Amino acid sequence: MGKHIHLFRRGRIYYWRRRIPGFSTEIDTIQLSLRTEVHPEACIISRQLTSESDRMFDDLTRNLISPDDMRRWLSHVITEELARIRRV
């Protein structure tokens, strides 16, 4: 399995963190708890979040959504993916 560049662990819990591209010198990141201690679950969720964030960055740079809107949507994605994984 390849390395997941946006996935990291703090203590026993996995997190996803990604820098928000922008035009200013200010560095802004989105960091979210994946709410899991299980590495395979974290990898699945991390890939989904990376895919979703790639799709949202264009809207973000055109000011169609805010970083807070993006953060809320990605938190929703985490909840849905955890529920889907645990149902299976």
C-alpha atoms as a PDB file:
ATOM      1  CA  MET A   1       0.000   0.000   0.000  1.00  0.00           C
ATOM      2  CA  GLY A   2       1.302   3.435  -0.918  1.00  0.00           C
ATOM      3  CA  LYS A   3       1.883   6.273   1.452  1.00  0.00           C
ATOM      4  CA  HIS A   4      -1.100   8.516   2.176  1.00  0.00           C
ATOM      5  CA  ILE A   5       0.370  12.001   2.231  1.00  0.00           C
ATOM      6  CA  HIS A   6      -2.517  13.711   4.038  1.00  0.00           C
ATOM      7  CA  LEU A   7      -2.905  11.023   6.702  1.00  0.00           C
ATOM      8  CA  PHE A   8      -1.176  11.167  10.057  1.00  0.00           C
ATOM      9  CA  ARG A   9      -1.669   9.826  13.547  1.00  0.00           C
ATOM     10  CA  ARG A  10      -1.729  11.721  16.816  1.00  0.00           C
ATOM     11  CA  GLY A  11      -1.741   9.336  19.734  1.00  0.00           C
ATOM     12  CA  ARG A  12      -4.021   6.506  18.653  1.00  0.00           C
ATOM     13  CA  ILE A  13      -6.389   8.530  16.443  1.00  0.00           C
ATOM     14  CA  TYR A  14      -5.826   9.191  12.751  1.00  0.00           C
ATOM     15  CA  TYR A  15      -6.189  12.666  11.269  1.00  0.00           C
ATOM     16  CA  TRP A  16      -6.341  14.109   7.783  1.00  0.00           C
ATOM     17  CA  ARG A  17      -4.640  17.431   7.074  1.00  0.00           C
ATOM     18  CA  ARG A  18      -4.300  19.367   3.855  1.00  0.00           C
ATOM     19  CA  ARG A  19      -3.050  22.821   2.947  1.00  0.00           C
ATOM     20  CA  ILE A  20      -5.603  25.040   1.249  1.00  0.00           C
ATOM     21  CA  PRO A  21      -4.124  26.547  -1.910  1.00  0.00           C
ATOM     22  CA  GLY A  22      -4.505  30.276  -2.098  1.00  0.00           C
ATOM     23  CA  PHE A  23      -3.133  33.419  -3.568  1.00  0.00           C
ATOM     24  CA  SER A  24      -1.958  35.010  -0.330  1.00  0.00           C
ATOM     25  CA  THR A  25       1.152  34.272   1.685  1.00  0.00           C
ATOM     26  CA  GLU A  26      -1.038  33.140   4.570  1.00  0.00           C
ATOM     27  CA  ILE A  27      -0.934  29.370   4.954  1.00  0.00           C
ATOM     28  CA  ASP A  28      -4.268  27.871   5.840  1.00  0.00           C
ATOM     29  CA  THR A  29      -4.932  24.200   6.441  1.00  0.00           C
ATOM     30  CA  ILE A  30      -7.878  21.976   7.053  1.00  0.00           C
ATOM     31  CA  GLN A  31      -7.278  19.347   9.697  1.00  0.00           C
ATOM     32  CA  LEU A  32      -9.942  16.829  10.645  1.00  0.00           C
ATOM     33  CA  SER A  33     -10.091  13.878  12.998  1.00  0.00           C
ATOM     34  CA  LEU A  34     -10.994  10.679  11.200  1.00  0.00           C
ATOM     35  CA  ARG A  35     -12.400   9.326  14.493  1.00  0.00           C
ATOM     36  CA  THR A  36     -10.773   5.955  14.052  1.00  0.00           C
ATOM     37  CA  GLU A  37      -7.788   4.048  15.402  1.00  0.00           C
ATOM     38  CA  VAL A  38      -7.901   1.476  12.591  1.00  0.00           C
ATOM     39  CA  HIS A  39      -5.352   2.122   9.848  1.00  0.00           C
ATOM     40  CA  PRO A  40      -7.263   0.522   6.928  1.00  0.00           C
ATOM     41  CA  GLU A  41     -10.377   2.563   7.822  1.00  0.00           C
ATOM     42  CA  ALA A  42      -8.272   5.727   8.041  1.00  0.00           C
ATOM     43  CA  CYS A  43      -6.760   5.042   4.603  1.00  0.00           C
ATOM     44  CA  ILE A  44     -10.183   4.646   2.988  1.00  0.00           C
ATOM     45  CA  ILE A  45     -11.517   7.824   4.570  1.00  0.00           C
ATOM     46  CA  SER A  46      -8.324   9.740   3.764  1.00  0.00           C
ATOM     47  CA  ARG A  47      -8.568   8.827   0.075  1.00  0.00           C
ATOM     48  CA  GLN A  48     -12.211   9.916  -0.004  1.00  0.00           C
ATOM     49  CA  LEU A  49     -11.404  13.249   1.690  1.00  0.00           C
ATOM     50  CA  THR A  50      -8.525  13.899  -0.689  1.00  0.00           C
ATOM     51  CA  SER A  51     -10.778  13.236  -3.661  1.00  0.00           C
ATOM     52  CA  GLU A  52     -13.561  15.475  -2.313  1.00  0.00           C
ATOM     53  CA  SER A  53     -11.132  18.277  -1.436  1.00  0.00           C
ATOM     54  CA  ASP A  54      -9.610  18.164  -4.937  1.00  0.00           C
ATOM     55  CA  ARG A  55     -13.081  18.748  -6.368  1.00  0.00           C
ATOM     56  CA  MET A  56     -13.800  21.593  -3.943  1.00  0.00           C
ATOM     57  CA  PHE A  57     -10.559  23.568  -4.331  1.00  0.00           C
ATOM     58  CA  ASP A  58     -11.685  25.127  -7.607  1.00  0.00           C
ATOM     59  CA  ASP A  59     -14.874  26.437  -5.958  1.00  0.00           C
ATOM     60  CA  LEU A  60     -12.830  27.634  -3.018  1.00  0.00           C
ATOM     61  CA  THR A  61     -10.396  29.624  -5.157  1.00  0.00           C
ATOM     62  CA  ARG A  62     -13.325  31.223  -7.026  1.00  0.00           C
ATOM     63  CA  ASN A  63     -14.902  32.183  -3.666  1.00  0.00           C
ATOM     64  CA  LEU A  64     -18.001  30.078  -4.330  1.00  0.00           C
ATOM     65  CA  ILE A  65     -17.567  28.355  -0.972  1.00  0.00           C
ATOM     66  CA  SER A  66     -15.691  29.271   2.198  1.00  0.00           C
ATOM     67  CA  PRO A  67     -13.075  27.173   4.022  1.00  0.00           C
ATOM     68  CA  ASP A  68     -15.653  26.673   6.782  1.00  0.00           C
ATOM     69  CA  ASP A  69     -18.173  25.316   4.257  1.00  0.00           C
ATOM     70  CA  MET A  70     -15.510  22.984   2.936  1.00  0.00           C
ATOM     71  CA  ARG A  71     -14.601  21.853   6.462  1.00  0.00           C
ATOM     72  CA  ARG A  72     -18.266  21.137   7.272  1.00  0.00           C
ATOM     73  CA  TRP A  73     -18.742  19.123   4.085  1.00  0.00           C
ATOM     74  CA  LEU A  74     -15.585  17.092   4.683  1.00  0.00           C
ATOM     75  CA  SER A  75     -16.702  16.374   8.269  1.00  0.00           C
ATOM     76  CA  HIS A  76     -19.954  15.077   6.817  1.00  0.00           C
ATOM     77  CA  VAL A  77     -17.964  12.867   4.418  1.00  0.00           C
ATOM     78  CA  ILE A  78     -16.075  11.386   7.392  1.00  0.00           C
ATOM     79  CA  THR A  79     -19.324  10.554   9.182  1.00  0.00           C
ATOM     80  CA  GLU A  80     -20.841   8.967   6.076  1.00  0.00           C
ATOM     81  CA  GLU A  81     -17.714   6.936   5.245  1.00  0.00           C
ATOM     82  CA  LEU A  82     -17.388   5.628   8.826  1.00  0.00           C
ATOM     83  CA  ALA A  83     -21.040   4.566   8.776  1.00  0.00           C
ATOM     84  CA  ARG A  84     -20.616   2.893   5.390  1.00  0.00           C
ATOM     85  CA  ILE A  85     -17.429   1.050   6.441  1.00  0.00           C
ATOM     86  CA  ARG A  86     -18.944  -0.196   9.676  1.00  0.00           C
ATOM     87  CA  ARG A  87     -22.135  -1.393   7.945  1.00  0.00           C
ATOM     88  CA  VAL A  88     -20.106  -3.588   5.624  1.00  0.00           C
END
